[in-house]
């Protein structure tokens, strides 16, 4: 999602970095990953599930994070979960 956002919104992101010192401090990648990717995920859940409430979409994302980690696991997450650690 981050790559797609950065690709399709590169000009808008450049303008935002000029205007917003918080975004500039985080850098493009940090801003995209910390702000835009989570917001896109919420919007996609809302659309897919026919939800009108952003908070409910955030709850769905939170509730489904364990399944998401299993389906899209990287070695670090799998190791931590197998050892019983919080990820």
PDB file of N, CA and C in Angstrom:
ATOM      1  N   UNK A   1       0.828  -1.182   0.000  1.00  0.00           N
ATOM      2  CA  UNK A   1       0.000   0.000   0.000  1.00  0.00           C
ATOM      3  C   UNK A   1       0.878   1.253   0.000  1.00  0.00           C
ATOM      4  N   UNK A   2       1.950   1.199   0.786  1.00  0.00           N
ATOM      5  CA  UNK A   2       2.835   2.361   0.854  1.00  0.00           C
ATOM      6  C   UNK A   2       3.448   2.706  -0.481  1.00  0.00           C
ATOM      7  N   UNK A   3       3.872   1.685  -1.206  1.00  0.00           N
ATOM      8  CA  UNK A   3       4.472   1.920  -2.529  1.00  0.00           C
ATOM      9  C   UNK A   3       3.452   2.537  -3.485  1.00  0.00           C
ATOM     10  N   UNK A   4       2.243   2.014  -3.470  1.00  0.00           N
ATOM     11  CA  UNK A   4       1.196   2.533  -4.355  1.00  0.00           C
ATOM     12  C   UNK A   4       0.858   3.978  -4.014  1.00  0.00           C
ATOM     13  N   UNK A   5       0.730   4.272  -2.731  1.00  0.00           N
ATOM     14  CA  UNK A   5       0.453   5.648  -2.310  1.00  0.00           C
ATOM     15  C   UNK A   5       1.578   6.568  -2.758  1.00  0.00           C
ATOM     16  N   UNK A   6       2.810   6.176  -2.486  1.00  0.00           N
ATOM     17  CA  UNK A   6       3.954   7.015  -2.850  1.00  0.00           C
ATOM     18  C   UNK A   6       4.031   7.239  -4.354  1.00  0.00           C
ATOM     19  N   UNK A   7       3.725   6.210  -5.121  1.00  0.00           N
ATOM     20  CA  UNK A   7       3.776   6.322  -6.578  1.00  0.00           C
ATOM     21  C   UNK A   7       2.691   7.249  -7.107  1.00  0.00           C
ATOM     22  N   UNK A   8       1.470   7.059  -6.627  1.00  0.00           N
ATOM     23  CA  UNK A   8       0.340   7.813  -7.163  1.00  0.00           C
ATOM     24  C   UNK A   8       0.198   9.217  -6.577  1.00  0.00           C
ATOM     25  N   UNK A   9       0.833   9.441  -5.445  1.00  0.00           N
ATOM     26  CA  UNK A   9       0.671  10.735  -4.786  1.00  0.00           C
ATOM     27  C   UNK A   9       1.996  11.473  -4.625  1.00  0.00           C
ATOM     28  N   UNK A  10       2.971  11.159  -5.440  1.00  0.00           N
ATOM     29  CA  UNK A  10       4.311  11.716  -5.240  1.00  0.00           C
ATOM     30  C   UNK A  10       4.323  13.242  -5.265  1.00  0.00           C
ATOM     31  N   UNK A  11       3.606  13.843  -6.180  1.00  0.00           N
ATOM     32  CA  UNK A  11       3.603  15.310  -6.253  1.00  0.00           C
ATOM     33  C   UNK A  11       2.919  15.929  -5.044  1.00  0.00           C
ATOM     34  N   UNK A  12       1.793  15.361  -4.635  1.00  0.00           N
ATOM     35  CA  UNK A  12       1.091  15.868  -3.448  1.00  0.00           C
ATOM     36  C   UNK A  12       1.952  15.689  -2.199  1.00  0.00           C
ATOM     37  N   UNK A  13       2.669  14.578  -2.108  1.00  0.00           N
ATOM     38  CA  UNK A  13       3.543  14.347  -0.964  1.00  0.00           C
ATOM     39  C   UNK A  13       4.676  15.363  -0.920  1.00  0.00           C
ATOM     40  N   UNK A  14       5.246  15.683  -2.056  1.00  0.00           N
ATOM     41  CA  UNK A  14       6.303  16.696  -2.108  1.00  0.00           C
ATOM     42  C   UNK A  14       5.781  18.034  -1.616  1.00  0.00           C
ATOM     43  N   UNK A  15       4.588  18.396  -2.022  1.00  0.00           N
ATOM     44  CA  UNK A  15       3.985  19.657  -1.585  1.00  0.00           C
ATOM     45  C   UNK A  15       3.718  19.635  -0.084  1.00  0.00           C
ATOM     46  N   UNK A  16       3.254  18.508   0.422  1.00  0.00           N
ATOM     47  CA  UNK A  16       2.974  18.385   1.853  1.00  0.00           C
ATOM     48  C   UNK A  16       4.252  18.523   2.668  1.00  0.00           C
ATOM     49  N   UNK A  17       5.336  17.958   2.189  1.00  0.00           N
ATOM     50  CA  UNK A  17       6.606  18.058   2.894  1.00  0.00           C
ATOM     51  C   UNK A  17       7.092  19.504   2.958  1.00  0.00           C
ATOM     52  N   UNK A  18       6.807  20.279   1.935  1.00  0.00           N
ATOM     53  CA  UNK A  18       7.184  21.690   1.947  1.00  0.00           C
ATOM     54  C   UNK A  18       6.358  22.474   2.959  1.00  0.00           C
ATOM     55  N   UNK A  19       5.106  22.095   3.119  1.00  0.00           N
ATOM     56  CA  UNK A  19       4.157  22.840   3.935  1.00  0.00           C
ATOM     57  C   UNK A  19       4.152  22.423   5.400  1.00  0.00           C
ATOM     58  N   UNK A  20       4.336  21.143   5.678  1.00  0.00           N
ATOM     59  CA  UNK A  20       4.127  20.603   7.024  1.00  0.00           C
ATOM     60  C   UNK A  20       5.454  20.137   7.620  1.00  0.00           C
ATOM     61  N   UNK A  21       5.891  20.791   8.700  1.00  0.00           N
ATOM     62  CA  UNK A  21       7.191  20.436   9.277  1.00  0.00           C
ATOM     63  C   UNK A  21       7.174  19.081   9.978  1.00  0.00           C
ATOM     64  N   UNK A  22       6.026  18.633  10.469  1.00  0.00           N
ATOM     65  CA  UNK A  22       5.942  17.295  11.077  1.00  0.00           C
ATOM     66  C   UNK A  22       6.138  16.229  10.002  1.00  0.00           C
ATOM     67  N   UNK A  23       5.471  16.393   8.875  1.00  0.00           N
ATOM     68  CA  UNK A  23       5.636  15.453   7.756  1.00  0.00           C
ATOM     69  C   UNK A  23       7.074  15.485   7.253  1.00  0.00           C
ATOM     70  N   UNK A  24       7.657  16.675   7.188  1.00  0.00           N
ATOM     71  CA  UNK A  24       9.034  16.812   6.726  1.00  0.00           C
ATOM     72  C   UNK A  24       9.992  16.089   7.676  1.00  0.00           C
ATOM     73  N   UNK A  25       9.751  16.193   8.982  1.00  0.00           N
ATOM     74  CA  UNK A  25      10.618  15.529   9.963  1.00  0.00           C
ATOM     75  C   UNK A  25      10.534  14.010   9.836  1.00  0.00           C
ATOM     76  N   UNK A  26       9.345  13.497   9.547  1.00  0.00           N
ATOM     77  CA  UNK A  26       9.162  12.047   9.407  1.00  0.00           C
ATOM     78  C   UNK A  26       9.713  11.539   8.084  1.00  0.00           C
ATOM     79  N   UNK A  27       9.765  12.392   7.089  1.00  0.00           N
ATOM     80  CA  UNK A  27      10.175  11.989   5.752  1.00  0.00           C
ATOM     81  C   UNK A  27       9.007  11.366   5.008  1.00  0.00           C
ATOM     82  N   UNK A  28       9.162  11.217   3.712  1.00  0.00           N
ATOM     83  CA  UNK A  28       8.076  10.678   2.893  1.00  0.00           C
ATOM     84  C   UNK A  28       7.683   9.282   3.353  1.00  0.00           C
ATOM     85  N   UNK A  29       8.645   8.412   3.514  1.00  0.00           N
ATOM     86  CA  UNK A  29       8.346   7.042   3.910  1.00  0.00           C
ATOM     87  C   UNK A  29       7.678   6.965   5.263  1.00  0.00           C
ATOM     88  N   UNK A  30       8.187   7.717   6.211  1.00  0.00           N
ATOM     89  CA  UNK A  30       7.597   7.724   7.546  1.00  0.00           C
ATOM     90  C   UNK A  30       6.179   8.246   7.540  1.00  0.00           C
ATOM     91  N   UNK A  31       5.950   9.326   6.797  1.00  0.00           N
ATOM     92  CA  UNK A  31       4.613   9.915   6.705  1.00  0.00           C
ATOM     93  C   UNK A  31       3.642   8.947   6.025  1.00  0.00           C
ATOM     94  N   UNK A  32       4.079   8.359   4.938  1.00  0.00           N
ATOM     95  CA  UNK A  32       3.218   7.411   4.220  1.00  0.00           C
ATOM     96  C   UNK A  32       2.866   6.233   5.114  1.00  0.00           C
ATOM     97  N   UNK A  33       3.870   5.651   5.769  1.00  0.00           N
ATOM     98  CA  UNK A  33       3.627   4.453   6.584  1.00  0.00           C
ATOM     99  C   UNK A  33       2.897   4.743   7.888  1.00  0.00           C
ATOM    100  N   UNK A  34       3.133   5.893   8.480  1.00  0.00           N
ATOM    101  CA  UNK A  34       2.517   6.196   9.773  1.00  0.00           C
ATOM    102  C   UNK A  34       1.132   6.806   9.656  1.00  0.00           C
ATOM    103  N   UNK A  35       0.878   7.508   8.542  1.00  0.00           N
ATOM    104  CA  UNK A  35      -0.391   8.231   8.406  1.00  0.00           C
ATOM    105  C   UNK A  35      -1.257   7.685   7.285  1.00  0.00           C
ATOM    106  N   UNK A  36      -0.715   7.632   6.086  1.00  0.00           N
ATOM    107  CA  UNK A  36      -1.538   7.328   4.919  1.00  0.00           C
ATOM    108  C   UNK A  36      -1.886   5.849   4.776  1.00  0.00           C
ATOM    109  N   UNK A  37      -0.960   4.952   5.048  1.00  0.00           N
ATOM    110  CA  UNK A  37      -1.273   3.524   4.938  1.00  0.00           C
ATOM    111  C   UNK A  37      -2.357   3.111   5.935  1.00  0.00           C
ATOM    112  N   UNK A  38      -2.235   3.491   7.219  1.00  0.00           N
ATOM    113  CA  UNK A  38      -3.325   3.126   8.141  1.00  0.00           C
ATOM    114  C   UNK A  38      -4.674   3.724   7.744  1.00  0.00           C
ATOM    115  N   UNK A  39      -4.665   4.947   7.242  1.00  0.00           N
ATOM    116  CA  UNK A  39      -5.923   5.572   6.821  1.00  0.00           C
ATOM    117  C   UNK A  39      -6.509   4.848   5.612  1.00  0.00           C
ATOM    118  N   UNK A  40      -5.674   4.462   4.670  1.00  0.00           N
ATOM    119  CA  UNK A  40      -6.146   3.705   3.521  1.00  0.00           C
ATOM    120  C   UNK A  40      -6.720   2.362   3.968  1.00  0.00           C
ATOM    121  N   UNK A  41      -6.060   1.706   4.908  1.00  0.00           N
ATOM    122  CA  UNK A  41      -6.568   0.423   5.412  1.00  0.00           C
ATOM    123  C   UNK A  41      -7.956   0.597   6.022  1.00  0.00           C
ATOM    124  N   UNK A  42      -8.156   1.651   6.792  1.00  0.00           N
ATOM    125  CA  UNK A  42      -9.469   1.919   7.389  1.00  0.00           C
ATOM    126  C   UNK A  42     -10.508   2.121   6.292  1.00  0.00           C
ATOM    127  N   UNK A  43     -10.170   2.905   5.294  1.00  0.00           N
ATOM    128  CA  UNK A  43     -11.117   3.176   4.200  1.00  0.00           C
ATOM    129  C   UNK A  43     -11.450   1.906   3.422  1.00  0.00           C
ATOM    130  N   UNK A  44     -10.475   1.054   3.204  1.00  0.00           N
ATOM    131  CA  UNK A  44     -10.732  -0.190   2.483  1.00  0.00           C
ATOM    132  C   UNK A  44     -11.627  -1.131   3.290  1.00  0.00           C
ATOM    133  N   UNK A  45     -11.404  -1.210   4.592  1.00  0.00           N
ATOM    134  CA  UNK A  45     -12.263  -2.038   5.445  1.00  0.00           C
ATOM    135  C   UNK A  45     -13.682  -1.483   5.425  1.00  0.00           C
ATOM    136  N   UNK A  46     -13.805  -0.165   5.529  1.00  0.00           N
ATOM    137  CA  UNK A  46     -15.137   0.452   5.494  1.00  0.00           C
ATOM    138  C   UNK A  46     -15.861   0.096   4.196  1.00  0.00           C
ATOM    139  N   UNK A  47     -15.151   0.195   3.093  1.00  0.00           N
ATOM    140  CA  UNK A  47     -15.749  -0.110   1.796  1.00  0.00           C
ATOM    141  C   UNK A  47     -16.105  -1.587   1.680  1.00  0.00           C
ATOM    142  N   UNK A  48     -15.160  -2.459   2.026  1.00  0.00           N
ATOM    143  CA  UNK A  48     -15.382  -3.901   1.893  1.00  0.00           C
ATOM    144  C   UNK A  48     -16.515  -4.413   2.770  1.00  0.00           C
ATOM    145  N   UNK A  49     -16.635  -3.837   3.965  1.00  0.00           N
ATOM    146  CA  UNK A  49     -17.617  -4.338   4.925  1.00  0.00           C
ATOM    147  C   UNK A  49     -18.878  -3.483   4.992  1.00  0.00           C
ATOM    148  N   UNK A  50     -18.940  -2.468   4.148  1.00  0.00           N
ATOM    149  CA  UNK A  50     -20.121  -1.611   4.137  1.00  0.00           C
ATOM    150  C   UNK A  50     -20.310  -0.832   5.434  1.00  0.00           C
ATOM    151  N   UNK A  51     -19.201  -0.450   6.060  1.00  0.00           N
ATOM    152  CA  UNK A  51     -19.263   0.265   7.329  1.00  0.00           C
ATOM    153  C   UNK A  51     -19.304   1.773   7.091  1.00  0.00           C
ATOM    154  N   UNK A  52     -20.008   2.474   7.949  1.00  0.00           N
ATOM    155  CA  UNK A  52     -20.058   3.933   7.881  1.00  0.00           C
ATOM    156  C   UNK A  52     -19.240   4.565   9.005  1.00  0.00           C
ATOM    157  N   UNK A  53     -18.802   3.737   9.952  1.00  0.00           N
ATOM    158  CA  UNK A  53     -18.128   4.213  11.148  1.00  0.00           C
ATOM    159  C   UNK A  53     -16.634   3.899  11.091  1.00  0.00           C
ATOM    160  N   UNK A  54     -15.813   4.946  11.091  1.00  0.00           N
ATOM    161  CA  UNK A  54     -14.364   4.744  11.041  1.00  0.00           C
ATOM    162  C   UNK A  54     -13.857   3.956  12.246  1.00  0.00           C
ATOM    163  N   UNK A  55     -14.412   4.249  13.418  1.00  0.00           N
ATOM    164  CA  UNK A  55     -13.954   3.548  14.623  1.00  0.00           C
ATOM    165  C   UNK A  55     -14.230   2.052  14.521  1.00  0.00           C
ATOM    166  N   UNK A  56     -15.369   1.674  13.978  1.00  0.00           N
ATOM    167  CA  UNK A  56     -15.680   0.243  13.810  1.00  0.00           C
ATOM    168  C   UNK A  56     -14.682  -0.391  12.853  1.00  0.00           C
ATOM    169  N   UNK A  57     -14.302   0.320  11.799  1.00  0.00           N
ATOM    170  CA  UNK A  57     -13.305  -0.202  10.859  1.00  0.00           C
ATOM    171  C   UNK A  57     -11.960  -0.378  11.554  1.00  0.00           C
ATOM    172  N   UNK A  58     -11.586   0.566  12.415  1.00  0.00           N
ATOM    173  CA  UNK A  58     -10.337   0.440  13.178  1.00  0.00           C
ATOM    174  C   UNK A  58     -10.401  -0.768  14.118  1.00  0.00           C
ATOM    175  N   UNK A  59     -11.575  -0.979  14.719  1.00  0.00           N
ATOM    176  CA  UNK A  59     -11.759  -2.144  15.588  1.00  0.00           C
ATOM    177  C   UNK A  59     -11.601  -3.442  14.804  1.00  0.00           C
ATOM    178  N   UNK A  60     -12.169  -3.495  13.611  1.00  0.00           N
ATOM    179  CA  UNK A  60     -12.045  -4.682  12.756  1.00  0.00           C
ATOM    180  C   UNK A  60     -10.578  -4.947  12.441  1.00  0.00           C
ATOM    181  N   UNK A  61      -9.840  -3.901  12.100  1.00  0.00           N
ATOM    182  CA  UNK A  61      -8.412  -4.069  11.819  1.00  0.00           C
ATOM    183  C   UNK A  61      -7.672  -4.597  13.040  1.00  0.00           C
ATOM    184  N   UNK A  62      -7.976  -4.052  14.183  1.00  0.00           N
ATOM    185  CA  UNK A  62      -7.325  -4.497  15.419  1.00  0.00           C
ATOM    186  C   UNK A  62      -7.676  -5.949  15.738  1.00  0.00           C
ATOM    187  N   UNK A  63      -8.947  -6.270  15.619  1.00  0.00           N
ATOM    188  CA  UNK A  63      -9.410  -7.628  15.930  1.00  0.00           C
ATOM    189  C   UNK A  63      -8.848  -8.670  14.969  1.00  0.00           C
ATOM    190  N   UNK A  64      -8.539  -8.268  13.756  1.00  0.00           N
ATOM    191  CA  UNK A  64      -8.072  -9.225  12.753  1.00  0.00           C
ATOM    192  C   UNK A  64      -6.553  -9.234  12.600  1.00  0.00           C
ATOM    193  N   UNK A  65      -5.840  -8.499  13.439  1.00  0.00           N
ATOM    194  CA  UNK A  65      -4.388  -8.396  13.261  1.00  0.00           C
ATOM    195  C   UNK A  65      -3.674  -9.734  13.451  1.00  0.00           C
ATOM    196  N   UNK A  66      -4.140 -10.577  14.366  1.00  0.00           N
ATOM    197  CA  UNK A  66      -3.488 -11.883  14.556  1.00  0.00           C
ATOM    198  C   UNK A  66      -3.604 -12.747  13.312  1.00  0.00           C
ATOM    199  N   UNK A  67      -4.778 -12.754  12.701  1.00  0.00           N
ATOM    200  CA  UNK A  67      -4.967 -13.523  11.465  1.00  0.00           C
ATOM    201  C   UNK A  67      -4.091 -12.938  10.361  1.00  0.00           C
ATOM    202  N   UNK A  68      -4.046 -11.618  10.272  1.00  0.00           N
ATOM    203  CA  UNK A  68      -3.199 -10.969   9.276  1.00  0.00           C
ATOM    204  C   UNK A  68      -1.735 -11.316   9.445  1.00  0.00           C
ATOM    205  N   UNK A  69      -1.275 -11.361  10.692  1.00  0.00           N
ATOM    206  CA  UNK A  69       0.124 -11.735  10.941  1.00  0.00           C
ATOM    207  C   UNK A  69       0.398 -13.162  10.519  1.00  0.00           C
ATOM    208  N   UNK A  70      -0.548 -14.061  10.726  1.00  0.00           N
ATOM    209  CA  UNK A  70      -0.356 -15.448  10.317  1.00  0.00           C
ATOM    210  C   UNK A  70      -0.375 -15.602   8.805  1.00  0.00           C
ATOM    211  N   UNK A  71      -1.278 -14.887   8.137  1.00  0.00           N
ATOM    212  CA  UNK A  71      -1.386 -15.001   6.685  1.00  0.00           C
ATOM    213  C   UNK A  71      -0.259 -14.293   5.954  1.00  0.00           C
ATOM    214  N   UNK A  72       0.281 -13.255   6.557  1.00  0.00           N
ATOM    215  CA  UNK A  72       1.343 -12.458   5.928  1.00  0.00           C
ATOM    216  C   UNK A  72       2.561 -12.415   6.836  1.00  0.00           C
ATOM    217  N   UNK A  73       2.897 -13.534   7.389  1.00  0.00           N
ATOM    218  CA  UNK A  73       3.944 -13.590   8.402  1.00  0.00           C
ATOM    219  C   UNK A  73       5.322 -13.355   7.807  1.00  0.00           C
ATOM    220  N   UNK A  74       6.126 -12.661   8.597  1.00  0.00           N
ATOM    221  CA  UNK A  74       7.544 -12.654   8.299  1.00  0.00           C
ATOM    222  C   UNK A  74       8.197 -13.502   9.377  1.00  0.00           C
ATOM    223  N   UNK A  75       9.432 -13.872   9.199  1.00  0.00           N
ATOM    224  CA  UNK A  75      10.085 -14.794  10.120  1.00  0.00           C
ATOM    225  C   UNK A  75      10.103 -14.270  11.551  1.00  0.00           C
ATOM    226  N   UNK A  76      10.278 -12.963  11.729  1.00  0.00           N
ATOM    227  CA  UNK A  76      10.348 -12.386  13.068  1.00  0.00           C
ATOM    228  C   UNK A  76       9.019 -12.542  13.806  1.00  0.00           C
ATOM    229  N   UNK A  77       7.886 -12.263  13.137  1.00  0.00           N
ATOM    230  CA  UNK A  77       6.580 -12.413  13.782  1.00  0.00           C
ATOM    231  C   UNK A  77       6.293 -13.860  14.126  1.00  0.00           C
ATOM    232  N   UNK A  78       6.605 -14.761  13.226  1.00  0.00           N
ATOM    233  CA  UNK A  78       6.335 -16.180  13.463  1.00  0.00           C
ATOM    234  C   UNK A  78       7.152 -16.664  14.648  1.00  0.00           C
ATOM    235  N   UNK A  79       8.404 -16.275  14.723  1.00  0.00           N
ATOM    236  CA  UNK A  79       9.268 -16.687  15.823  1.00  0.00           C
ATOM    237  C   UNK A  79       8.751 -16.168  17.147  1.00  0.00           C
ATOM    238  N   UNK A  80       8.380 -14.892  17.218  1.00  0.00           N
ATOM    239  CA  UNK A  80       7.871 -14.303  18.450  1.00  0.00           C
ATOM    240  C   UNK A  80       6.586 -14.979  18.899  1.00  0.00           C
ATOM    241  N   UNK A  81       5.679 -15.213  17.972  1.00  0.00           N
ATOM    242  CA  UNK A  81       4.396 -15.840  18.323  1.00  0.00           C
ATOM    243  C   UNK A  81       4.607 -17.267  18.785  1.00  0.00           C
ATOM    244  N   UNK A  82       5.511 -17.975  18.144  1.00  0.00           N
ATOM    245  CA  UNK A  82       5.787 -19.360  18.532  1.00  0.00           C
ATOM    246  C   UNK A  82       6.386 -19.411  19.939  1.00  0.00           C
ATOM    247  N   UNK A  83       7.156 -18.374  20.296  1.00  0.00           N
ATOM    248  CA  UNK A  83       7.766 -18.324  21.620  1.00  0.00           C
ATOM    249  C   UNK A  83       6.837 -17.729  22.660  1.00  0.00           C
ATOM    250  N   UNK A  84       5.652 -17.285  22.238  1.00  0.00           N
ATOM    251  CA  UNK A  84       4.682 -16.738  23.177  1.00  0.00           C
ATOM    252  C   UNK A  84       4.908 -15.288  23.525  1.00  0.00           C
ATOM    253  N   UNK A  85       5.716 -14.568  22.741  1.00  0.00           N
ATOM    254  CA  UNK A  85       5.974 -13.162  22.993  1.00  0.00           C
ATOM    255  C   UNK A  85       4.951 -12.315  22.274  1.00  0.00           C
ATOM    256  N   UNK A  86       4.752 -11.104  22.790  1.00  0.00           N
ATOM    257  CA  UNK A  86       3.882 -10.140  22.114  1.00  0.00           C
ATOM    258  C   UNK A  86       4.600  -9.643  20.880  1.00  0.00           C
ATOM    259  N   UNK A  87       3.865  -9.415  19.771  1.00  0.00           N
ATOM    260  CA  UNK A  87       4.461  -8.940  18.522  1.00  0.00           C
ATOM    261  C   UNK A  87       4.169  -7.570  18.331  1.00  0.00           C
TER     262      UNK A  87
END
